[in-house]
């Protein structure tokens, strides 16, 4: 029996991506992994108390996040990832 190759994790989330200028205002301008982008955006949300207290799945955008969210005042946490991907190359 041939030697089995070790399984590799999907590196798509750990591959560095370049944030747009609008997103860089939150996460920094250096290339960063997608997973780290999401973590830093959540840090910003929690630090600035941007979750709707009545519905924790809803993010209320401040001026920086409005630019990332396409001008929307609020988005769901699930919709947020779609908006983030538009700002990553």
C-alpha atoms as a PDB file:
ATOM      1  CA  UNK A   1       0.000   0.000   0.000  1.00  0.00           C
ATOM      2  CA  UNK A   2       1.399   3.400  -0.968  1.00  0.00           C
ATOM      3  CA  UNK A   3       2.156   6.017   1.679  1.00  0.00           C
ATOM      4  CA  UNK A   4      -0.885   8.175   2.266  1.00  0.00           C
ATOM      5  CA  UNK A   5      -0.354  11.882   1.758  1.00  0.00           C
ATOM      6  CA  UNK A   6      -1.174  13.981   4.810  1.00  0.00           C
ATOM      7  CA  UNK A   7      -4.339  16.028   4.499  1.00  0.00           C
ATOM      8  CA  UNK A   8      -3.806  19.717   3.946  1.00  0.00           C
ATOM      9  CA  UNK A   9      -6.070  22.397   5.276  1.00  0.00           C
ATOM     10  CA  UNK A  10      -7.732  24.684   2.768  1.00  0.00           C
ATOM     11  CA  UNK A  11      -5.379  27.646   2.537  1.00  0.00           C
ATOM     12  CA  UNK A  12      -7.936  29.965   0.918  1.00  0.00           C
ATOM     13  CA  UNK A  13      -8.725  31.575   4.280  1.00  0.00           C
ATOM     14  CA  UNK A  14      -5.091  31.986   5.267  1.00  0.00           C
ATOM     15  CA  UNK A  15      -3.908  33.424   1.930  1.00  0.00           C
ATOM     16  CA  UNK A  16      -3.109  37.137   2.338  1.00  0.00           C
ATOM     17  CA  UNK A  17      -5.465  39.511   0.525  1.00  0.00           C
ATOM     18  CA  UNK A  18      -5.210  43.258  -0.041  1.00  0.00           C
ATOM     19  CA  UNK A  19      -7.976  45.318   1.615  1.00  0.00           C
ATOM     20  CA  UNK A  20      -9.500  48.293  -0.227  1.00  0.00           C
ATOM     21  CA  UNK A  21      -8.856  51.808   1.075  1.00  0.00           C
ATOM     22  CA  UNK A  22     -12.267  51.856   2.811  1.00  0.00           C
ATOM     23  CA  UNK A  23     -11.651  48.540   4.559  1.00  0.00           C
ATOM     24  CA  UNK A  24      -8.037  49.479   5.343  1.00  0.00           C
ATOM     25  CA  UNK A  25      -9.382  52.217   7.634  1.00  0.00           C
ATOM     26  CA  UNK A  26     -10.515  49.379   9.925  1.00  0.00           C
ATOM     27  CA  UNK A  27      -8.039  46.508   9.367  1.00  0.00           C
ATOM     28  CA  UNK A  28      -4.894  48.293   8.178  1.00  0.00           C
ATOM     29  CA  UNK A  29      -3.433  48.606   4.689  1.00  0.00           C
ATOM     30  CA  UNK A  30      -1.056  45.607   4.695  1.00  0.00           C
ATOM     31  CA  UNK A  31      -2.077  42.301   3.058  1.00  0.00           C
ATOM     32  CA  UNK A  32      -3.907  40.177   5.621  1.00  0.00           C
ATOM     33  CA  UNK A  33      -5.609  36.752   5.763  1.00  0.00           C
ATOM     34  CA  UNK A  34      -9.383  36.708   5.215  1.00  0.00           C
ATOM     35  CA  UNK A  35      -9.911  35.160   8.638  1.00  0.00           C
ATOM     36  CA  UNK A  36      -7.931  38.002  10.240  1.00  0.00           C
ATOM     37  CA  UNK A  37     -10.001  40.579   8.308  1.00  0.00           C
ATOM     38  CA  UNK A  38     -13.205  39.172   9.796  1.00  0.00           C
ATOM     39  CA  UNK A  39     -11.645  39.101  13.279  1.00  0.00           C
ATOM     40  CA  UNK A  40     -10.501  42.723  13.043  1.00  0.00           C
ATOM     41  CA  UNK A  41     -13.891  43.885  11.768  1.00  0.00           C
ATOM     42  CA  UNK A  42     -15.546  42.118  14.723  1.00  0.00           C
ATOM     43  CA  UNK A  43     -13.058  43.795  17.088  1.00  0.00           C
ATOM     44  CA  UNK A  44     -14.127  47.158  15.614  1.00  0.00           C
ATOM     45  CA  UNK A  45     -17.818  46.256  15.966  1.00  0.00           C
ATOM     46  CA  UNK A  46     -17.466  45.184  19.615  1.00  0.00           C
ATOM     47  CA  UNK A  47     -15.131  48.062  20.561  1.00  0.00           C
ATOM     48  CA  UNK A  48     -17.601  50.612  19.183  1.00  0.00           C
ATOM     49  CA  UNK A  49     -20.736  48.777  20.404  1.00  0.00           C
ATOM     50  CA  UNK A  50     -22.190  48.450  16.889  1.00  0.00           C
ATOM     51  CA  UNK A  51     -24.369  45.364  17.411  1.00  0.00           C
ATOM     52  CA  UNK A  52     -28.086  46.049  17.715  1.00  0.00           C
ATOM     53  CA  UNK A  53     -28.896  45.134  21.355  1.00  0.00           C
ATOM     54  CA  UNK A  54     -32.385  43.943  20.360  1.00  0.00           C
ATOM     55  CA  UNK A  55     -31.062  41.736  17.533  1.00  0.00           C
ATOM     56  CA  UNK A  56     -27.414  40.677  17.990  1.00  0.00           C
ATOM     57  CA  UNK A  57     -27.274  39.402  14.382  1.00  0.00           C
ATOM     58  CA  UNK A  58     -27.653  42.973  13.114  1.00  0.00           C
ATOM     59  CA  UNK A  59     -24.647  45.277  12.712  1.00  0.00           C
ATOM     60  CA  UNK A  60     -25.319  49.014  12.891  1.00  0.00           C
ATOM     61  CA  UNK A  61     -22.774  50.752  10.647  1.00  0.00           C
ATOM     62  CA  UNK A  62     -20.659  53.680  11.802  1.00  0.00           C
ATOM     63  CA  UNK A  63     -19.051  56.021   9.225  1.00  0.00           C
ATOM     64  CA  UNK A  64     -16.175  53.603   8.498  1.00  0.00           C
ATOM     65  CA  UNK A  65     -18.405  50.552   8.098  1.00  0.00           C
ATOM     66  CA  UNK A  66     -20.969  52.413   5.958  1.00  0.00           C
ATOM     67  CA  UNK A  67     -18.308  52.749   3.254  1.00  0.00           C
ATOM     68  CA  UNK A  68     -17.617  49.015   3.414  1.00  0.00           C
ATOM     69  CA  UNK A  69     -21.343  48.099   3.522  1.00  0.00           C
ATOM     70  CA  UNK A  70     -22.176  50.059   0.367  1.00  0.00           C
ATOM     71  CA  UNK A  71     -23.817  52.945   2.222  1.00  0.00           C
ATOM     72  CA  UNK A  72     -26.230  50.764   4.215  1.00  0.00           C
ATOM     73  CA  UNK A  73     -27.026  51.815   7.788  1.00  0.00           C
ATOM     74  CA  UNK A  74     -27.269  48.222   9.017  1.00  0.00           C
ATOM     75  CA  UNK A  75     -26.602  44.716   7.738  1.00  0.00           C
ATOM     76  CA  UNK A  76     -26.941  41.202   9.126  1.00  0.00           C
ATOM     77  CA  UNK A  77     -23.778  39.443  10.283  1.00  0.00           C
ATOM     78  CA  UNK A  78     -24.252  37.001   7.398  1.00  0.00           C
ATOM     79  CA  UNK A  79     -24.577  39.783   4.809  1.00  0.00           C
ATOM     80  CA  UNK A  80     -21.450  41.426   6.250  1.00  0.00           C
ATOM     81  CA  UNK A  81     -19.144  38.760   4.762  1.00  0.00           C
ATOM     82  CA  UNK A  82     -20.527  39.423   1.273  1.00  0.00           C
ATOM     83  CA  UNK A  83     -19.705  43.108   1.657  1.00  0.00           C
ATOM     84  CA  UNK A  84     -16.230  42.342   3.007  1.00  0.00           C
ATOM     85  CA  UNK A  85     -15.388  40.147   0.029  1.00  0.00           C
ATOM     86  CA  UNK A  86     -16.134  43.091  -2.287  1.00  0.00           C
ATOM     87  CA  UNK A  87     -13.289  44.976  -0.582  1.00  0.00           C
ATOM     88  CA  UNK A  88     -10.631  42.256  -0.802  1.00  0.00           C
ATOM     89  CA  UNK A  89      -8.352  41.497  -3.756  1.00  0.00           C
END
